[in-house]
Amino acid sequence: MDVPGLLEAASLLVPEKIATENDTTVNDVWEYLAHDEWEVALGLLEELSDVQRLPLGLWEALATAAEQMRLEKSAARCHWRSYGTRHGIIRADLRRGRP
């Protein structure tokens, strides 16, 4: 599949109601896709995934798209997120304790 097709397929897995802290929504992704701004669209889809856990298919599509665009860091991040979605991860926020 081609990069735009992969990004479009991934964007269809994002609920329309979610938005980032900067009010970015999946509609913004569609705007960038319409103007062939694939790298920006990929980044926005990654940001939207931080708001709500999204399906494995999204990460697989994003990883493949990033690989096809030769964005090695993005591809690695998407593969890592795919692995985490499939197998689960433990997140911890570290804070400095009181002296």
PDB file of N, CA and C in Angstrom:
ATOM      1  N   MET A   1       0.858  -1.184   0.000  1.00  0.00           N
ATOM      2  CA  MET A   1       0.000   0.000   0.000  1.00  0.00           C
ATOM      3  C   MET A   1       0.899   1.240   0.000  1.00  0.00           C
ATOM      4  N   ASP A   2       0.418   2.299  -0.558  1.00  0.00           N
ATOM      5  CA  ASP A   2       1.179   3.541  -0.619  1.00  0.00           C
ATOM      6  C   ASP A   2       1.070   4.335   0.684  1.00  0.00           C
ATOM      7  N   VAL A   3       1.970   5.288   0.860  1.00  0.00           N
ATOM      8  CA  VAL A   3       2.019   6.074   2.099  1.00  0.00           C
ATOM      9  C   VAL A   3       0.691   6.789   2.372  1.00  0.00           C
ATOM     10  N   PRO A   4       0.126   7.517   1.401  1.00  0.00           N
ATOM     11  CA  PRO A   4      -1.144   8.186   1.707  1.00  0.00           C
ATOM     12  C   PRO A   4      -2.243   7.203   2.109  1.00  0.00           C
ATOM     13  N   GLY A   5      -2.271   6.061   1.456  1.00  0.00           N
ATOM     14  CA  GLY A   5      -3.277   5.047   1.795  1.00  0.00           C
ATOM     15  C   GLY A   5      -3.098   4.516   3.204  1.00  0.00           C
ATOM     16  N   LEU A   6      -1.847   4.299   3.597  1.00  0.00           N
ATOM     17  CA  LEU A   6      -1.568   3.824   4.957  1.00  0.00           C
ATOM     18  C   LEU A   6      -1.985   4.860   5.997  1.00  0.00           C
ATOM     19  N   LEU A   7      -1.657   6.127   5.733  1.00  0.00           N
ATOM     20  CA  LEU A   7      -2.016   7.187   6.673  1.00  0.00           C
ATOM     21  C   LEU A   7      -3.525   7.396   6.734  1.00  0.00           C
ATOM     22  N   GLU A   8      -4.192   7.283   5.599  1.00  0.00           N
ATOM     23  CA  GLU A   8      -5.655   7.395   5.593  1.00  0.00           C
ATOM     24  C   GLU A   8      -6.279   6.253   6.385  1.00  0.00           C
ATOM     25  N   ALA A   9      -5.771   5.034   6.167  1.00  0.00           N
ATOM     26  CA  ALA A   9      -6.298   3.879   6.905  1.00  0.00           C
ATOM     27  C   ALA A   9      -6.094   4.067   8.405  1.00  0.00           C
ATOM     28  N   ALA A  10      -4.924   4.557   8.791  1.00  0.00           N
ATOM     29  CA  ALA A  10      -4.651   4.792  10.210  1.00  0.00           C
ATOM     30  C   ALA A  10      -5.577   5.859  10.773  1.00  0.00           C
ATOM     31  N   SER A  11      -5.814   6.927  10.012  1.00  0.00           N
ATOM     32  CA  SER A  11      -6.650   8.019  10.516  1.00  0.00           C
ATOM     33  C   SER A  11      -8.100   7.585  10.714  1.00  0.00           C
ATOM     34  N   LEU A  12      -8.530   6.581   9.968  1.00  0.00           N
ATOM     35  CA  LEU A  12      -9.894   6.076  10.141  1.00  0.00           C
ATOM     36  C   LEU A  12     -10.065   5.337  11.464  1.00  0.00           C
ATOM     37  N   LEU A  13      -8.967   4.976  12.102  1.00  0.00           N
ATOM     38  CA  LEU A  13      -9.020   4.283  13.391  1.00  0.00           C
ATOM     39  C   LEU A  13      -9.032   5.236  14.577  1.00  0.00           C
ATOM     40  N   VAL A  14      -8.950   6.534  14.304  1.00  0.00           N
ATOM     41  CA  VAL A  14      -8.930   7.543  15.364  1.00  0.00           C
ATOM     42  C   VAL A  14     -10.338   8.117  15.527  1.00  0.00           C
ATOM     43  N   PRO A  15     -10.913   8.028  16.719  1.00  0.00           N
ATOM     44  CA  PRO A  15     -12.236   8.615  16.938  1.00  0.00           C
ATOM     45  C   PRO A  15     -12.221  10.128  16.694  1.00  0.00           C
ATOM     46  N   GLU A  16     -13.253  10.643  16.064  1.00  0.00           N
ATOM     47  CA  GLU A  16     -13.330  12.072  15.744  1.00  0.00           C
ATOM     48  C   GLU A  16     -13.385  12.949  16.979  1.00  0.00           C
ATOM     49  N   LYS A  17     -13.855  12.415  18.094  1.00  0.00           N
ATOM     50  CA  LYS A  17     -14.071  13.241  19.288  1.00  0.00           C
ATOM     51  C   LYS A  17     -12.800  13.554  20.067  1.00  0.00           C
ATOM     52  N   ILE A  18     -11.712  12.794  19.852  1.00  0.00           N
ATOM     53  CA  ILE A  18     -10.519  13.059  20.660  1.00  0.00           C
ATOM     54  C   ILE A  18      -9.707  14.213  20.081  1.00  0.00           C
ATOM     55  N   ALA A  19      -9.044  14.924  20.980  1.00  0.00           N
ATOM     56  CA  ALA A  19      -8.214  16.065  20.583  1.00  0.00           C
ATOM     57  C   ALA A  19      -7.022  16.163  21.527  1.00  0.00           C
ATOM     58  N   THR A  20      -5.930  16.686  21.017  1.00  0.00           N
ATOM     59  CA  THR A  20      -4.743  16.886  21.835  1.00  0.00           C
ATOM     60  C   THR A  20      -4.921  18.142  22.676  1.00  0.00           C
ATOM     61  N   GLU A  21      -3.933  18.445  23.503  1.00  0.00           N
ATOM     62  CA  GLU A  21      -3.973  19.664  24.320  1.00  0.00           C
ATOM     63  C   GLU A  21      -4.031  20.912  23.441  1.00  0.00           C
ATOM     64  N   ASN A  22      -3.506  20.822  22.228  1.00  0.00           N
ATOM     65  CA  ASN A  22      -3.510  21.952  21.295  1.00  0.00           C
ATOM     66  C   ASN A  22      -4.733  21.940  20.377  1.00  0.00           C
ATOM     67  N   ASP A  23      -5.736  21.155  20.736  1.00  0.00           N
ATOM     68  CA  ASP A  23      -6.977  21.014  19.964  1.00  0.00           C
ATOM     69  C   ASP A  23      -6.764  20.433  18.574  1.00  0.00           C
ATOM     70  N   THR A  24      -5.757  19.616  18.407  1.00  0.00           N
ATOM     71  CA  THR A  24      -5.546  18.903  17.160  1.00  0.00           C
ATOM     72  C   THR A  24      -6.487  17.714  17.124  1.00  0.00           C
ATOM     73  N   THR A  25      -7.170  17.536  16.004  1.00  0.00           N
ATOM     74  CA  THR A  25      -8.081  16.413  15.839  1.00  0.00           C
ATOM     75  C   THR A  25      -7.726  15.654  14.562  1.00  0.00           C
ATOM     76  N   VAL A  26      -8.444  14.586  14.331  1.00  0.00           N
ATOM     77  CA  VAL A  26      -8.221  13.796  13.120  1.00  0.00           C
ATOM     78  C   VAL A  26      -8.566  14.614  11.867  1.00  0.00           C
ATOM     79  N   ASN A  27      -9.412  15.614  12.009  1.00  0.00           N
ATOM     80  CA  ASN A  27      -9.715  16.483  10.867  1.00  0.00           C
ATOM     81  C   ASN A  27      -8.476  17.254  10.418  1.00  0.00           C
ATOM     82  N   ASP A  28      -7.608  17.604  11.362  1.00  0.00           N
ATOM     83  CA  ASP A  28      -6.346  18.256  11.012  1.00  0.00           C
ATOM     84  C   ASP A  28      -5.455  17.307  10.216  1.00  0.00           C
ATOM     85  N   VAL A  29      -5.477  16.049  10.595  1.00  0.00           N
ATOM     86  CA  VAL A  29      -4.705  15.042   9.856  1.00  0.00           C
ATOM     87  C   VAL A  29      -5.175  15.000   8.410  1.00  0.00           C
ATOM     88  N   TRP A  30      -6.490  14.988   8.219  1.00  0.00           N
ATOM     89  CA  TRP A  30      -7.048  14.933   6.866  1.00  0.00           C
ATOM     90  C   TRP A  30      -6.634  16.158   6.045  1.00  0.00           C
ATOM     91  N   GLU A  31      -6.563  17.312   6.690  1.00  0.00           N
ATOM     92  CA  GLU A  31      -6.119  18.529   5.991  1.00  0.00           C
ATOM     93  C   GLU A  31      -4.689  18.366   5.470  1.00  0.00           C
ATOM     94  N   TYR A  32      -3.815  17.848   6.316  1.00  0.00           N
ATOM     95  CA  TYR A  32      -2.426  17.656   5.895  1.00  0.00           C
ATOM     96  C   TYR A  32      -2.319  16.577   4.818  1.00  0.00           C
ATOM     97  N   LEU A  33      -3.122  15.540   4.924  1.00  0.00           N
ATOM     98  CA  LEU A  33      -3.103  14.509   3.887  1.00  0.00           C
ATOM     99  C   LEU A  33      -3.560  15.075   2.545  1.00  0.00           C
ATOM    100  N   ALA A  34      -4.543  15.955   2.568  1.00  0.00           N
ATOM    101  CA  ALA A  34      -5.042  16.565   1.326  1.00  0.00           C
ATOM    102  C   ALA A  34      -3.972  17.405   0.642  1.00  0.00           C
ATOM    103  N   HIS A  35      -3.004  17.898   1.423  1.00  0.00           N
ATOM    104  CA  HIS A  35      -1.926  18.727   0.864  1.00  0.00           C
ATOM    105  C   HIS A  35      -0.609  17.957   0.759  1.00  0.00           C
ATOM    106  N   ASP A  36      -0.694  16.628   0.818  1.00  0.00           N
ATOM    107  CA  ASP A  36       0.480  15.747   0.694  1.00  0.00           C
ATOM    108  C   ASP A  36       1.564  16.039   1.730  1.00  0.00           C
ATOM    109  N   GLU A  37       1.163  16.455   2.914  1.00  0.00           N
ATOM    110  CA  GLU A  37       2.080  16.684   4.031  1.00  0.00           C
ATOM    111  C   GLU A  37       2.082  15.433   4.906  1.00  0.00           C
ATOM    112  N   TRP A  38       2.664  14.365   4.364  1.00  0.00           N
ATOM    113  CA  TRP A  38       2.575  13.059   5.005  1.00  0.00           C
ATOM    114  C   TRP A  38       3.319  12.984   6.327  1.00  0.00           C
ATOM    115  N   GLU A  39       4.477  13.589   6.411  1.00  0.00           N
ATOM    116  CA  GLU A  39       5.258  13.520   7.646  1.00  0.00           C
ATOM    117  C   GLU A  39       4.534  14.239   8.784  1.00  0.00           C
ATOM    118  N   VAL A  40       3.921  15.377   8.479  1.00  0.00           N
ATOM    119  CA  VAL A  40       3.161  16.115   9.495  1.00  0.00           C
ATOM    120  C   VAL A  40       1.952  15.285   9.930  1.00  0.00           C
ATOM    121  N   ALA A  41       1.264  14.680   8.973  1.00  0.00           N
ATOM    122  CA  ALA A  41       0.098  13.849   9.282  1.00  0.00           C
ATOM    123  C   ALA A  41       0.494  12.686  10.184  1.00  0.00           C
ATOM    124  N   LEU A  42       1.619  12.061   9.899  1.00  0.00           N
ATOM    125  CA  LEU A  42       2.106  10.960  10.720  1.00  0.00           C
ATOM    126  C   LEU A  42       2.363  11.440  12.148  1.00  0.00           C
ATOM    127  N   GLY A  43       3.012  12.569  12.290  1.00  0.00           N
ATOM    128  CA  GLY A  43       3.282  13.122  13.613  1.00  0.00           C
ATOM    129  C   GLY A  43       2.015  13.435  14.390  1.00  0.00           C
ATOM    130  N   LEU A  44       1.023  13.985  13.705  1.00  0.00           N
ATOM    131  CA  LEU A  44      -0.238  14.302  14.384  1.00  0.00           C
ATOM    132  C   LEU A  44      -0.950  13.034  14.838  1.00  0.00           C
ATOM    133  N   LEU A  45      -0.899  11.998  14.016  1.00  0.00           N
ATOM    134  CA  LEU A  45      -1.519  10.729  14.415  1.00  0.00           C
ATOM    135  C   LEU A  45      -0.817  10.149  15.644  1.00  0.00           C
ATOM    136  N   GLU A  46       0.486  10.294  15.709  1.00  0.00           N
ATOM    137  CA  GLU A  46       1.208   9.845  16.898  1.00  0.00           C
ATOM    138  C   GLU A  46       0.774  10.656  18.124  1.00  0.00           C
ATOM    139  N   GLU A  47       0.617  11.961  17.970  1.00  0.00           N
ATOM    140  CA  GLU A  47       0.177  12.812  19.083  1.00  0.00           C
ATOM    141  C   GLU A  47      -1.216  12.432  19.556  1.00  0.00           C
ATOM    142  N   LEU A  48      -2.111  12.170  18.616  1.00  0.00           N
ATOM    143  CA  LEU A  48      -3.480  11.809  18.984  1.00  0.00           C
ATOM    144  C   LEU A  48      -3.516  10.503  19.773  1.00  0.00           C
ATOM    145  N   SER A  49      -2.569   9.627  19.506  1.00  0.00           N
ATOM    146  CA  SER A  49      -2.535   8.349  20.214  1.00  0.00           C
ATOM    147  C   SER A  49      -2.142   8.524  21.679  1.00  0.00           C
ATOM    148  N   ASP A  50      -1.541   9.654  22.003  1.00  0.00           N
ATOM    149  CA  ASP A  50      -1.202   9.915  23.403  1.00  0.00           C
ATOM    150  C   ASP A  50      -2.429  10.299  24.216  1.00  0.00           C
ATOM    151  N   VAL A  51      -3.492  10.727  23.541  1.00  0.00           N
ATOM    152  CA  VAL A  51      -4.718  11.138  24.214  1.00  0.00           C
ATOM    153  C   VAL A  51      -5.538   9.922  24.614  1.00  0.00           C
ATOM    154  N   GLN A  52      -5.582   8.936  23.726  1.00  0.00           N
ATOM    155  CA  GLN A  52      -6.398   7.743  23.953  1.00  0.00           C
ATOM    156  C   GLN A  52      -5.680   6.557  23.337  1.00  0.00           C
ATOM    157  N   ARG A  53      -5.761   5.432  23.997  1.00  0.00           N
ATOM    158  CA  ARG A  53      -5.145   4.218  23.440  1.00  0.00           C
ATOM    159  C   ARG A  53      -5.865   3.853  22.144  1.00  0.00           C
ATOM    160  N   LEU A  54      -5.079   3.639  21.096  1.00  0.00           N
ATOM    161  CA  LEU A  54      -5.639   3.343  19.783  1.00  0.00           C
ATOM    162  C   LEU A  54      -5.259   1.933  19.354  1.00  0.00           C
ATOM    163  N   PRO A  55      -5.978   1.374  18.382  1.00  0.00           N
ATOM    164  CA  PRO A  55      -5.795  -0.031  18.014  1.00  0.00           C
ATOM    165  C   PRO A  55      -4.430  -0.344  17.388  1.00  0.00           C
ATOM    166  N   LEU A  56      -4.082  -1.615  17.456  1.00  0.00           N
ATOM    167  CA  LEU A  56      -2.836  -2.123  16.915  1.00  0.00           C
ATOM    168  C   LEU A  56      -2.684  -1.795  15.429  1.00  0.00           C
ATOM    169  N   GLY A  57      -3.771  -1.884  14.671  1.00  0.00           N
ATOM    170  CA  GLY A  57      -3.716  -1.612  13.232  1.00  0.00           C
ATOM    171  C   GLY A  57      -3.196  -0.223  12.911  1.00  0.00           C
ATOM    172  N   LEU A  58      -3.485   0.743  13.765  1.00  0.00           N
ATOM    173  CA  LEU A  58      -2.985   2.095  13.567  1.00  0.00           C
ATOM    174  C   LEU A  58      -1.472   2.105  13.619  1.00  0.00           C
ATOM    175  N   TRP A  59      -0.895   1.464  14.638  1.00  0.00           N
ATOM    176  CA  TRP A  59       0.556   1.468  14.801  1.00  0.00           C
ATOM    177  C   TRP A  59       1.246   0.702  13.689  1.00  0.00           C
ATOM    178  N   GLU A  60       0.632  -0.381  13.245  1.00  0.00           N
ATOM    179  CA  GLU A  60       1.228  -1.137  12.146  1.00  0.00           C
ATOM    180  C   GLU A  60       1.237  -0.313  10.868  1.00  0.00           C
ATOM    181  N   ALA A  61       0.142   0.395  10.599  1.00  0.00           N
ATOM    182  CA  ALA A  61       0.068   1.239   9.403  1.00  0.00           C
ATOM    183  C   ALA A  61       1.055   2.395   9.490  1.00  0.00           C
ATOM    184  N   LEU A  62       1.160   3.022  10.662  1.00  0.00           N
ATOM    185  CA  LEU A  62       2.097   4.131  10.835  1.00  0.00           C
ATOM    186  C   LEU A  62       3.543   3.665  10.706  1.00  0.00           C
ATOM    187  N   ALA A  63       3.855   2.505  11.244  1.00  0.00           N
ATOM    188  CA  ALA A  63       5.220   1.981  11.143  1.00  0.00           C
ATOM    189  C   ALA A  63       5.583   1.721   9.684  1.00  0.00           C
ATOM    190  N   THR A  64       4.682   1.123   8.939  1.00  0.00           N
ATOM    191  CA  THR A  64       4.938   0.843   7.523  1.00  0.00           C
ATOM    192  C   THR A  64       5.082   2.139   6.736  1.00  0.00           C
ATOM    193  N   ALA A  65       4.209   3.114   7.020  1.00  0.00           N
ATOM    194  CA  ALA A  65       4.287   4.410   6.327  1.00  0.00           C
ATOM    195  C   ALA A  65       5.624   5.089   6.638  1.00  0.00           C
ATOM    196  N   ALA A  66       6.026   5.070   7.896  1.00  0.00           N
ATOM    197  CA  ALA A  66       7.291   5.699   8.288  1.00  0.00           C
ATOM    198  C   ALA A  66       8.472   5.004   7.606  1.00  0.00           C
ATOM    199  N   GLU A  67       8.424   3.688   7.522  1.00  0.00           N
ATOM    200  CA  GLU A  67       9.483   2.957   6.833  1.00  0.00           C
ATOM    201  C   GLU A  67       9.548   3.359   5.364  1.00  0.00           C
ATOM    202  N   GLN A  68       8.384   3.469   4.718  1.00  0.00           N
ATOM    203  CA  GLN A  68       8.357   3.833   3.303  1.00  0.00           C
ATOM    204  C   GLN A  68       8.843   5.259   3.076  1.00  0.00           C
ATOM    205  N   MET A  69       8.653   6.138   4.074  1.00  0.00           N
ATOM    206  CA  MET A  69       9.157   7.509   3.975  1.00  0.00           C
ATOM    207  C   MET A  69      10.604   7.614   4.458  1.00  0.00           C
ATOM    208  N   ARG A  70      11.161   6.488   4.892  1.00  0.00           N
ATOM    209  CA  ARG A  70      12.539   6.410   5.400  1.00  0.00           C
ATOM    210  C   ARG A  70      12.768   7.285   6.631  1.00  0.00           C
ATOM    211  N   LEU A  71      11.765   7.294   7.483  1.00  0.00           N
ATOM    212  CA  LEU A  71      11.839   8.007   8.764  1.00  0.00           C
ATOM    213  C   LEU A  71      12.147   6.974   9.843  1.00  0.00           C
ATOM    214  N   GLU A  72      13.425   6.673  10.010  1.00  0.00           N
ATOM    215  CA  GLU A  72      13.843   5.574  10.873  1.00  0.00           C
ATOM    216  C   GLU A  72      13.403   5.729  12.323  1.00  0.00           C
ATOM    217  N   LYS A  73      13.527   6.925  12.880  1.00  0.00           N
ATOM    218  CA  LYS A  73      13.141   7.135  14.279  1.00  0.00           C
ATOM    219  C   LYS A  73      11.635   6.975  14.461  1.00  0.00           C
ATOM    220  N   SER A  74      10.858   7.521  13.531  1.00  0.00           N
ATOM    221  CA  SER A  74       9.404   7.384  13.615  1.00  0.00           C
ATOM    222  C   SER A  74       8.992   5.930  13.454  1.00  0.00           C
ATOM    223  N   ALA A  75       9.623   5.228  12.529  1.00  0.00           N
ATOM    224  CA  ALA A  75       9.311   3.813  12.326  1.00  0.00           C
ATOM    225  C   ALA A  75       9.606   3.013  13.589  1.00  0.00           C
ATOM    226  N   ALA A  76      10.768   3.275  14.202  1.00  0.00           N
ATOM    227  CA  ALA A  76      11.126   2.561  15.432  1.00  0.00           C
ATOM    228  C   ALA A  76      10.133   2.859  16.551  1.00  0.00           C
ATOM    229  N   ARG A  77       9.740   4.126  16.690  1.00  0.00           N
ATOM    230  CA  ARG A  77       8.775   4.520  17.726  1.00  0.00           C
ATOM    231  C   ARG A  77       7.423   3.832  17.488  1.00  0.00           C
ATOM    232  N   CYS A  78       6.997   3.780  16.234  1.00  0.00           N
ATOM    233  CA  CYS A  78       5.709   3.148  15.915  1.00  0.00           C
ATOM    234  C   CYS A  78       5.757   1.639  16.139  1.00  0.00           C
ATOM    235  N   HIS A  79       6.895   1.011  15.821  1.00  0.00           N
ATOM    236  CA  HIS A  79       7.041  -0.426  16.106  1.00  0.00           C
ATOM    237  C   HIS A  79       7.005  -0.672  17.617  1.00  0.00           C
ATOM    238  N   TRP A  80       7.657   0.221  18.387  1.00  0.00           N
ATOM    239  CA  TRP A  80       7.649   0.086  19.837  1.00  0.00           C
ATOM    240  C   TRP A  80       6.232   0.221  20.377  1.00  0.00           C
ATOM    241  N   ARG A  81       5.487   1.200  19.863  1.00  0.00           N
ATOM    242  CA  ARG A  81       4.102   1.397  20.315  1.00  0.00           C
ATOM    243  C   ARG A  81       3.229   0.213  19.903  1.00  0.00           C
ATOM    244  N   SER A  82       3.494  -0.345  18.731  1.00  0.00           N
ATOM    245  CA  SER A  82       2.778  -1.535  18.278  1.00  0.00           C
ATOM    246  C   SER A  82       3.023  -2.695  19.234  1.00  0.00           C
ATOM    247  N   TYR A  83       4.289  -2.891  19.609  1.00  0.00           N
ATOM    248  CA  TYR A  83       4.640  -3.950  20.555  1.00  0.00           C
ATOM    249  C   TYR A  83       3.930  -3.718  21.888  1.00  0.00           C
ATOM    250  N   GLY A  84       3.943  -2.482  22.361  1.00  0.00           N
ATOM    251  CA  GLY A  84       3.284  -2.164  23.627  1.00  0.00           C
ATOM    252  C   GLY A  84       1.784  -2.390  23.578  1.00  0.00           C
ATOM    253  N   THR A  85       1.176  -2.085  22.447  1.00  0.00           N
ATOM    254  CA  THR A  85      -0.263  -2.304  22.296  1.00  0.00           C
ATOM    255  C   THR A  85      -0.577  -3.798  22.289  1.00  0.00           C
ATOM    256  N   ARG A  86       0.274  -4.562  21.637  1.00  0.00           N
ATOM    257  CA  ARG A  86       0.050  -6.011  21.523  1.00  0.00           C
ATOM    258  C   ARG A  86       0.313  -6.726  22.844  1.00  0.00           C
ATOM    259  N   HIS A  87       1.389  -6.355  23.545  1.00  0.00           N
ATOM    260  CA  HIS A  87       1.822  -7.104  24.718  1.00  0.00           C
ATOM    261  C   HIS A  87       1.604  -6.382  26.042  1.00  0.00           C
ATOM    262  N   GLY A  88       1.292  -5.099  25.983  1.00  0.00           N
ATOM    263  CA  GLY A  88       1.110  -4.321  27.202  1.00  0.00           C
ATOM    264  C   GLY A  88       2.430  -3.744  27.679  1.00  0.00           C
ATOM    265  N   ILE A  89       2.343  -2.644  28.380  1.00  0.00           N
ATOM    266  CA  ILE A  89       3.526  -2.007  28.940  1.00  0.00           C
ATOM    267  C   ILE A  89       3.180  -1.482  30.331  1.00  0.00           C
ATOM    268  N   ILE A  90       4.201  -1.243  31.094  1.00  0.00           N
ATOM    269  CA  ILE A  90       4.029  -0.625  32.407  1.00  0.00           C
ATOM    270  C   ILE A  90       4.690   0.741  32.328  1.00  0.00           C
ATOM    271  N   ARG A  91       3.937   1.766  32.669  1.00  0.00           N
ATOM    272  CA  ARG A  91       4.486   3.123  32.676  1.00  0.00           C
ATOM    273  C   ARG A  91       4.598   3.601  34.110  1.00  0.00           C
ATOM    274  N   ALA A  92       5.665   4.291  34.379  1.00  0.00           N
ATOM    275  CA  ALA A  92       5.862   4.852  35.711  1.00  0.00           C
ATOM    276  C   ALA A  92       6.319   6.296  35.554  1.00  0.00           C
ATOM    277  N   ASP A  93       5.746   7.161  36.334  1.00  0.00           N
ATOM    278  CA  ASP A  93       6.185   8.551  36.393  1.00  0.00           C
ATOM    279  C   ASP A  93       7.085   8.685  37.602  1.00  0.00           C
ATOM    280  N   LEU A  94       8.312   9.073  37.361  1.00  0.00           N
ATOM    281  CA  LEU A  94       9.267   9.225  38.449  1.00  0.00           C
ATOM    282  C   LEU A  94       9.236  10.656  38.962  1.00  0.00           C
ATOM    283  N   ARG A  95       9.224  10.792  40.255  1.00  0.00           N
ATOM    284  CA  ARG A  95       9.217  12.105  40.882  1.00  0.00           C
ATOM    285  C   ARG A  95      10.319  12.151  41.928  1.00  0.00           C
ATOM    286  N   ARG A  96      10.823  13.315  42.089  1.00  0.00           N
ATOM    287  CA  ARG A  96      11.847  13.489  43.109  1.00  0.00           C
ATOM    288  C   ARG A  96      11.163  13.521  44.472  1.00  0.00           C
ATOM    289  N   GLY A  97      11.657  12.724  45.375  1.00  0.00           N
ATOM    290  CA  GLY A  97      11.068  12.662  46.712  1.00  0.00           C
ATOM    291  C   GLY A  97      11.501  13.829  47.580  1.00  0.00           C
ATOM    292  N   ARG A  98      10.863  13.948  48.688  1.00  0.00           N
ATOM    293  CA  ARG A  98      11.233  14.998  49.643  1.00  0.00           C
ATOM    294  C   ARG A  98      12.544  14.637  50.322  1.00  0.00           C
ATOM    295  N   PRO A  99      13.367  15.648  50.582  1.00  0.00           N
ATOM    296  CA  PRO A  99      14.659  15.359  51.262  1.00  0.00           C
ATOM    297  C   PRO A  99      14.462  14.967  52.706  1.00  0.00           C
TER     298      PRO A  99
END
